[in-house]
C-alpha atoms as a PDB file:
ATOM      1  CA  MET A   1      16.924 -26.481  11.514  1.00  0.00           C
ATOM      2  CA  SER A   2      16.244 -23.679   9.078  1.00  0.00           C
ATOM      3  CA  LYS A   3      14.084 -24.511   5.880  1.00  0.00           C
ATOM      4  CA  GLY A   4      11.913 -22.432   3.684  1.00  0.00           C
ATOM      5  CA  LEU A   5       8.510 -21.638   4.647  1.00  0.00           C
ATOM      6  CA  TYR A   6       5.988 -20.933   2.064  1.00  0.00           C
ATOM      7  CA  VAL A   7       4.513 -17.596   3.518  1.00  0.00           C
ATOM      8  CA  TRP A   8       3.386 -15.330   0.701  1.00  0.00           C
ATOM      9  CA  GLU A   9       1.318 -16.664  -1.909  1.00  0.00           C
ATOM     10  CA  VAL A  10       1.175 -15.470  -5.538  1.00  0.00           C
ATOM     11  CA  PRO A  11      -1.732 -13.102  -5.252  1.00  0.00           C
ATOM     12  CA  VAL A  12       0.086 -11.269  -2.309  1.00  0.00           C
ATOM     13  CA  ARG A  13       3.338 -10.952  -4.038  1.00  0.00           C
ATOM     14  CA  VAL A  14       1.657  -9.792  -7.381  1.00  0.00           C
ATOM     15  CA  THR A  15      -0.461  -7.160  -5.644  1.00  0.00           C
ATOM     16  CA  HIS A  16       2.404  -6.123  -3.531  1.00  0.00           C
ATOM     17  CA  TRP A  17       4.377  -5.057  -6.659  1.00  0.00           C
ATOM     18  CA  VAL A  18       1.452  -3.792  -8.514  1.00  0.00           C
ATOM     19  CA  ASN A  19       0.614  -1.443  -5.645  1.00  0.00           C
ATOM     20  CA  ALA A  20       4.527  -0.514  -5.233  1.00  0.00           C
ATOM     21  CA  LEU A  21       4.882   0.289  -9.130  1.00  0.00           C
ATOM     22  CA  SER A  22       1.394   2.299  -9.259  1.00  0.00           C
ATOM     23  CA  ILE A  23       2.149   4.287  -6.117  1.00  0.00           C
ATOM     24  CA  PHE A  24       5.552   5.150  -7.672  1.00  0.00           C
ATOM     25  CA  THR A  25       4.007   6.309 -10.928  1.00  0.00           C
ATOM     26  CA  LEU A  26       0.977   7.721  -9.605  1.00  0.00           C
ATOM     27  CA  SER A  27       3.180   9.937  -7.513  1.00  0.00           C
ATOM     28  CA  ILE A  28       5.634  10.922 -10.343  1.00  0.00           C
ATOM     29  CA  THR A  29       2.698  11.648 -12.570  1.00  0.00           C
ATOM     30  CA  GLY A  30       0.583  13.272  -9.709  1.00  0.00           C
ATOM     31  CA  LEU A  31       3.641  15.666  -8.966  1.00  0.00           C
ATOM     32  CA  TYR A  32       3.490  16.872 -12.618  1.00  0.00           C
ATOM     33  CA  ILE A  33      -0.291  17.214 -12.888  1.00  0.00           C
ATOM     34  CA  GLY A  34      -0.163  19.349  -9.417  1.00  0.00           C
ATOM     35  CA  ASN A  35       2.789  21.414 -10.557  1.00  0.00           C
ATOM     36  CA  PRO A  36       3.932  20.756 -14.142  1.00  0.00           C
ATOM     37  CA  TYR A  37       7.843  20.435 -14.195  1.00  0.00           C
ATOM     38  CA  TRP A  38       8.409  19.601 -17.626  1.00  0.00           C
ATOM     39  CA  ASN A  39       7.434  22.273 -20.508  1.00  0.00           C
ATOM     40  CA  ALA A  40       6.216  21.377 -23.901  1.00  0.00           C
ATOM     41  CA  LYS A  41       8.227  22.305 -26.734  1.00  0.00           C
ATOM     42  CA  SER A  42       5.602  22.316 -29.574  1.00  0.00           C
ATOM     43  CA  GLU A  43       1.869  22.000 -29.776  1.00  0.00           C
ATOM     44  CA  TYR A  44       2.134  18.395 -30.341  1.00  0.00           C
ATOM     45  CA  ASP A  45       3.763  17.700 -27.063  1.00  0.00           C
ATOM     46  CA  PHE A  46       0.725  16.463 -25.003  1.00  0.00           C
ATOM     47  CA  ILE A  47       2.614  16.000 -21.944  1.00  0.00           C
ATOM     48  CA  MET A  48      -0.257  16.802 -19.513  1.00  0.00           C
ATOM     49  CA  ALA A  49      -2.663  14.534 -21.347  1.00  0.00           C
ATOM     50  CA  ASN A  50      -0.281  11.876 -21.341  1.00  0.00           C
ATOM     51  CA  MET A  51       0.643  12.282 -17.742  1.00  0.00           C
ATOM     52  CA  ARG A  52      -2.918  12.387 -16.963  1.00  0.00           C
ATOM     53  CA  PHE A  53      -3.760   9.116 -18.885  1.00  0.00           C
ATOM     54  CA  ILE A  54      -0.884   7.326 -17.154  1.00  0.00           C
ATOM     55  CA  HIS A  55      -2.144   8.600 -13.814  1.00  0.00           C
ATOM     56  CA  TYR A  56      -5.572   7.196 -14.356  1.00  0.00           C
ATOM     57  CA  LEU A  57      -4.460   4.056 -16.074  1.00  0.00           C
ATOM     58  CA  CYS A  58      -2.252   3.351 -12.952  1.00  0.00           C
ATOM     59  CA  ALA A  59      -5.184   4.139 -10.617  1.00  0.00           C
ATOM     60  CA  TYR A  60      -7.139   1.426 -12.380  1.00  0.00           C
ATOM     61  CA  PHE A  61      -4.379  -0.850 -11.682  1.00  0.00           C
ATOM     62  CA  MET A  62      -4.313  -0.238  -8.139  1.00  0.00           C
ATOM     63  CA  ILE A  63      -8.082  -0.402  -7.501  1.00  0.00           C
ATOM     64  CA  ALA A  64      -7.894  -3.802  -9.162  1.00  0.00           C
ATOM     65  CA  SER A  65      -5.007  -4.744  -7.018  1.00  0.00           C
ATOM     66  CA  LEU A  66      -6.697  -3.627  -3.919  1.00  0.00           C
ATOM     67  CA  ILE A  67      -9.905  -5.411  -4.695  1.00  0.00           C
ATOM     68  CA  VAL A  68      -7.820  -8.740  -5.175  1.00  0.00           C
ATOM     69  CA  ARG A  69      -5.881  -8.300  -1.858  1.00  0.00           C
ATOM     70  CA  ILE A  70      -8.870  -7.458   0.265  1.00  0.00           C
ATOM     71  CA  TYR A  71     -10.518 -10.859  -1.394  1.00  0.00           C
ATOM     72  CA  TRP A  72      -7.246 -12.567  -0.404  1.00  0.00           C
ATOM     73  CA  TRP A  73      -7.969 -11.580   3.352  1.00  0.00           C
ATOM     74  CA  PHE A  74     -10.613 -14.433   3.089  1.00  0.00           C
ATOM     75  CA  ALA A  75      -9.201 -16.669   0.669  1.00  0.00           C
ATOM     76  CA  GLY A  76      -5.674 -16.943   1.354  1.00  0.00           C
ATOM     77  CA  ASN A  77      -3.703 -18.924   3.660  1.00  0.00           C
ATOM     78  CA  LYS A  78      -3.501 -18.167   7.368  1.00  0.00           C
ATOM     79  CA  TYR A  79      -0.597 -15.442   6.626  1.00  0.00           C
ATOM     80  CA  ALA A  80      -2.737 -13.396   4.305  1.00  0.00           C
ATOM     81  CA  ARG A  81      -6.065 -13.569   6.196  1.00  0.00           C
ATOM     82  CA  ILE A  82      -7.635 -10.390   7.677  1.00  0.00           C
ATOM     83  CA  ASP A  83      -6.737 -11.390  11.271  1.00  0.00           C
ATOM     84  CA  GLN A  84      -2.965 -10.807  10.509  1.00  0.00           C
ATOM     85  CA  PHE A  85      -4.124  -7.116  10.074  1.00  0.00           C
ATOM     86  CA  VAL A  86      -6.832  -6.443  12.721  1.00  0.00           C
ATOM     87  CA  PRO A  87      -5.404  -7.724  15.896  1.00  0.00           C
ATOM     88  CA  VAL A  88      -8.291  -9.662  17.349  1.00  0.00           C
ATOM     89  CA  SER A  89      -6.613 -12.501  19.298  1.00  0.00           C
ATOM     90  CA  SER A  90      -4.333 -12.073  22.563  1.00  0.00           C
ATOM     91  CA  GLU A  91      -1.460 -13.393  20.550  1.00  0.00           C
ATOM     92  CA  ARG A  92      -1.616 -10.707  17.790  1.00  0.00           C
ATOM     93  CA  TRP A  93      -2.071  -8.229  20.446  1.00  0.00           C
ATOM     94  CA  SER A  94       1.050  -9.438  22.311  1.00  0.00           C
ATOM     95  CA  ASN A  95       3.167  -9.285  19.103  1.00  0.00           C
ATOM     96  CA  LEU A  96       1.658  -5.802  18.142  1.00  0.00           C
ATOM     97  CA  ILE A  97       2.740  -4.626  21.705  1.00  0.00           C
ATOM     98  CA  GLY A  98       6.083  -6.374  21.710  1.00  0.00           C
ATOM     99  CA  THR A  99       6.955  -5.184  18.118  1.00  0.00           C
ATOM    100  CA  ALA A 100       6.115  -1.544  19.075  1.00  0.00           C
ATOM    101  CA  LEU A 101       8.524  -1.708  22.139  1.00  0.00           C
ATOM    102  CA  PHE A 102      11.139  -3.288  19.910  1.00  0.00           C
ATOM    103  CA  TYR A 103      10.995  -0.352  17.293  1.00  0.00           C
ATOM    104  CA  GLY A 104      10.685   1.983  20.250  1.00  0.00           C
ATOM    105  CA  PHE A 105      13.978   0.843  21.603  1.00  0.00           C
ATOM    106  CA  MET A 106      12.500  -0.555  24.625  1.00  0.00           C
ATOM    107  CA  ARG A 107      12.890  -4.260  23.909  1.00  0.00           C
ATOM    108  CA  LYS A 108      15.957  -6.165  22.570  1.00  0.00           C
ATOM    109  CA  ASP A 109      14.410  -8.863  20.416  1.00  0.00           C
ATOM    110  CA  LEU A 110      11.915  -8.417  17.654  1.00  0.00           C
ATOM    111  CA  PRO A 111       8.841 -10.560  18.326  1.00  0.00           C
ATOM    112  CA  HIS A 112       8.551 -13.764  16.080  1.00  0.00           C
ATOM    113  CA  SER A 113       6.103 -13.827  13.253  1.00  0.00           C
ATOM    114  CA  PRO A 114       6.409 -15.904  10.126  1.00  0.00           C
ATOM    115  CA  GLY A 115       4.076 -13.603   8.342  1.00  0.00           C
ATOM    116  CA  HIS A 116       3.234  -9.942   9.309  1.00  0.00           C
ATOM    117  CA  THR A 117       4.042  -8.682  12.684  1.00  0.00           C
ATOM    118  CA  GLY A 118       1.200  -7.116  14.700  1.00  0.00           C
ATOM    119  CA  LEU A 119       2.471  -3.531  14.118  1.00  0.00           C
ATOM    120  CA  ALA A 120       3.028  -4.246  10.347  1.00  0.00           C
ATOM    121  CA  GLY A 121      -0.285  -5.890   9.897  1.00  0.00           C
ATOM    122  CA  LEU A 122      -2.076  -2.932  11.520  1.00  0.00           C
ATOM    123  CA  THR A 123       0.162  -0.383   9.574  1.00  0.00           C
ATOM    124  CA  TYR A 124      -0.730  -2.122   6.405  1.00  0.00           C
ATOM    125  CA  LEU A 125      -4.432  -1.957   7.260  1.00  0.00           C
ATOM    126  CA  PHE A 126      -4.072   1.750   7.760  1.00  0.00           C
ATOM    127  CA  ILE A 127      -2.205   1.972   4.466  1.00  0.00           C
ATOM    128  CA  ILE A 128      -4.954   0.379   2.619  1.00  0.00           C
ATOM    129  CA  PHE A 129      -7.477   2.599   4.216  1.00  0.00           C
ATOM    130  CA  LEU A 130      -5.567   5.763   2.917  1.00  0.00           C
ATOM    131  CA  LEU A 131      -5.172   4.419  -0.505  1.00  0.00           C
ATOM    132  CA  ILE A 132      -9.208   3.763  -0.666  1.00  0.00           C
ATOM    133  CA  VAL A 133      -9.415   7.556   0.578  1.00  0.00           C
ATOM    134  CA  GLU A 134      -6.927   8.561  -2.080  1.00  0.00           C
ATOM    135  CA  ILE A 135      -8.998   6.600  -4.757  1.00  0.00           C
ATOM    136  CA  ILE A 136     -12.192   8.530  -3.653  1.00  0.00           C
ATOM    137  CA  THR A 137     -10.592  11.797  -3.679  1.00  0.00           C
ATOM    138  CA  GLY A 138      -9.192  11.102  -7.062  1.00  0.00           C
ATOM    139  CA  PHE A 139     -12.453  10.182  -8.434  1.00  0.00           C
ATOM    140  CA  ALA A 140     -13.840  13.342  -6.902  1.00  0.00           C
ATOM    141  CA  LEU A 141     -11.260  15.612  -8.640  1.00  0.00           C
ATOM    142  CA  TYR A 142     -11.914  13.481 -11.880  1.00  0.00           C
ATOM    143  CA  SER A 143     -15.375  14.112 -11.936  1.00  0.00           C
ATOM    144  CA  GLN A 144     -15.136  17.802 -11.911  1.00  0.00           C
ATOM    145  CA  SER A 145     -13.774  17.947 -15.585  1.00  0.00           C
ATOM    146  CA  HIS A 146     -14.087  14.574 -17.065  1.00  0.00           C
ATOM    147  CA  ALA A 147     -17.337  12.910 -16.177  1.00  0.00           C
ATOM    148  CA  PRO A 148     -19.262  15.347 -14.007  1.00  0.00           C
ATOM    149  CA  GLY A 149     -22.709  13.876 -14.961  1.00  0.00           C
ATOM    150  CA  ASN A 150     -21.400  10.086 -14.740  1.00  0.00           C
ATOM    151  CA  THR A 151     -23.349   8.175 -12.121  1.00  0.00           C
ATOM    152  CA  ALA A 152     -20.347   5.585 -11.524  1.00  0.00           C
ATOM    153  CA  THR A 153     -17.937   8.428 -11.151  1.00  0.00           C
ATOM    154  CA  TYR A 154     -20.257  10.227  -8.727  1.00  0.00           C
ATOM    155  CA  ILE A 155     -20.779   7.124  -6.471  1.00  0.00           C
ATOM    156  CA  ALA A 156     -16.712   6.300  -6.732  1.00  0.00           C
ATOM    157  CA  GLY A 157     -16.043   9.721  -5.217  1.00  0.00           C
ATOM    158  CA  GLY A 158     -17.958  12.634  -6.978  1.00  0.00           C
ATOM    159  CA  TRP A 159     -20.360  12.859  -4.002  1.00  0.00           C
ATOM    160  CA  LEU A 160     -17.462  14.357  -2.002  1.00  0.00           C
ATOM    161  CA  LEU A 161     -17.898  17.577  -3.611  1.00  0.00           C
ATOM    162  CA  ASN A 162     -21.325  17.866  -1.892  1.00  0.00           C
ATOM    163  CA  PHE A 163     -19.467  18.154   1.466  1.00  0.00           C
ATOM    164  CA  PHE A 164     -15.794  19.711   0.578  1.00  0.00           C
ATOM    165  CA  ASN A 165     -14.606  21.936  -1.998  1.00  0.00           C
ATOM    166  CA  ALA A 166     -12.249  21.056  -4.375  1.00  0.00           C
ATOM    167  CA  MET A 167      -9.314  22.706  -2.972  1.00  0.00           C
ATOM    168  CA  THR A 168      -9.815  20.566   0.234  1.00  0.00           C
ATOM    169  CA  ILE A 169      -9.987  17.482  -1.612  1.00  0.00           C
ATOM    170  CA  ARG A 170      -6.966  18.225  -3.572  1.00  0.00           C
ATOM    171  CA  PHE A 171      -4.874  18.961  -0.424  1.00  0.00           C
ATOM    172  CA  ILE A 172      -6.051  15.613   0.998  1.00  0.00           C
ATOM    173  CA  HIS A 173      -5.173  13.785  -2.334  1.00  0.00           C
ATOM    174  CA  HIS A 174      -1.655  15.427  -2.172  1.00  0.00           C
ATOM    175  CA  LEU A 175      -1.177  14.812   1.512  1.00  0.00           C
ATOM    176  CA  ILE A 176      -1.759  11.313   1.170  1.00  0.00           C
ATOM    177  CA  MET A 177       0.580  11.074  -1.830  1.00  0.00           C
ATOM    178  CA  TRP A 178       3.484  12.399   0.554  1.00  0.00           C
ATOM    179  CA  VAL A 179       2.411  10.147   3.358  1.00  0.00           C
ATOM    180  CA  MET A 180       2.809   7.272   0.869  1.00  0.00           C
ATOM    181  CA  MET A 181       6.392   8.348  -0.019  1.00  0.00           C
ATOM    182  CA  VAL A 182       7.299   8.441   3.725  1.00  0.00           C
ATOM    183  CA  PHE A 183       5.831   5.079   4.142  1.00  0.00           C
ATOM    184  CA  VAL A 184       7.720   3.557   1.209  1.00  0.00           C
ATOM    185  CA  ILE A 185      11.085   4.692   2.686  1.00  0.00           C
ATOM    186  CA  ILE A 186      10.391   3.255   6.060  1.00  0.00           C
ATOM    187  CA  HIS A 187       8.870   0.203   4.657  1.00  0.00           C
ATOM    188  CA  VAL A 188      11.962  -0.389   2.503  1.00  0.00           C
ATOM    189  CA  TYR A 189      14.317   0.576   5.507  1.00  0.00           C
ATOM    190  CA  ILE A 190      12.544  -1.879   7.853  1.00  0.00           C
ATOM    191  CA  SER A 191      12.449  -4.706   5.559  1.00  0.00           C
ATOM    192  CA  VAL A 192      16.079  -4.702   4.723  1.00  0.00           C
ATOM    193  CA  HIS A 193      17.096  -4.154   8.640  1.00  0.00           C
ATOM    194  CA  ASN A 194      14.744  -7.310   9.524  1.00  0.00           C
ATOM    195  CA  HIS A 195      16.255  -9.267   6.904  1.00  0.00           C
ATOM    196  CA  ILE A 196      19.957  -8.587   8.131  1.00  0.00           C
ATOM    197  CA  ILE A 197      18.908  -9.110  11.815  1.00  0.00           C
ATOM    198  CA  GLU A 198      16.568 -12.374  11.351  1.00  0.00           C
ATOM    199  CA  LYS A 199      18.637 -13.801   8.580  1.00  0.00           C
ATOM    200  CA  ASN A 200      15.097 -15.158   7.283  1.00  0.00           C
ATOM    201  CA  GLY A 201      15.250 -14.042   3.847  1.00  0.00           C
ATOM    202  CA  LEU A 202      12.641 -11.431   4.071  1.00  0.00           C
ATOM    203  CA  VAL A 203      13.500  -9.227   1.353  1.00  0.00           C
ATOM    204  CA  TRP A 204      13.706 -12.471  -1.170  1.00  0.00           C
ATOM    205  CA  SER A 205      10.280 -13.625   0.223  1.00  0.00           C
ATOM    206  CA  ILE A 206       8.459 -10.977  -1.661  1.00  0.00           C
ATOM    207  CA  PHE A 207       9.871 -12.383  -4.808  1.00  0.00           C
ATOM    208  CA  ASN A 208       9.735 -16.071  -4.209  1.00  0.00           C
ATOM    209  CA  GLY A 209       7.251 -16.319  -1.325  1.00  0.00           C
ATOM    210  CA  HIS A 210       9.440 -18.329   1.137  1.00  0.00           C
ATOM    211  CA  LYS A 211      11.245 -17.418   4.284  1.00  0.00           C
ATOM    212  CA  LYS A 212      13.803 -18.965   6.123  1.00  0.00           C
ATOM    213  CA  MET A 213      12.441 -20.139   9.478  1.00  0.00           C
ATOM    214  CA  GLU A 214      13.292 -22.117  12.406  1.00  0.00           C
ATOM    215  CA  GLU A 215      11.603 -25.559  12.588  1.00  0.00           C
ATOM    216  CA  HIS A 216      10.007 -24.764  16.082  1.00  0.00           C
ATOM    217  CA  HIS A 217       8.612 -21.613  15.002  1.00  0.00           C
ATOM    218  CA  HIS A 218       6.137 -23.083  12.425  1.00  0.00           C
ATOM    219  CA  SER A 219       5.732 -26.808  13.634  1.00  0.00           C
END
């Protein structure tokens, strides 16, 4: 019998959408900051200043969201905890391998998992790592012109300039942005694909928190 299983708690859903909106806005503003595509028509059009302000604001939203999500690895339900991202059990390793075989067209059925599949969890862990690198490189670039003598900014990323030049840091920052864009496209495609083939309400679950699962799958 199919019934609703409460999988994604409120903090998981909120941080998901905060991150999604932040990444989208950061990408749009970041593209402009790196290569302005909209020309000012008067001396009162502070386009670059506004783009930078929005960019920095969204960066702080994303930082707060990541802190909450990492905290929820330890405070959330069993579908949100860190062992869903780091495969430490034989069950998660089996799910990880089975999911990889499915997406590699070497297995017919997608392994069952009420929360993240083993492959999805590991992928999201990598994405979180990239976002942290993006934040550190962003603060390194920020520290050059906005707060070169600020201790907090130095700790957050300015120290990178002791090891890499600004162009290298900027390249890494932009490269991760493009990786995020590709990830978002794949993430949306797989979510819709699995929503259709599993008929478990996956897409809607990130809005309401519930999935339609078979009784024996979560009993």
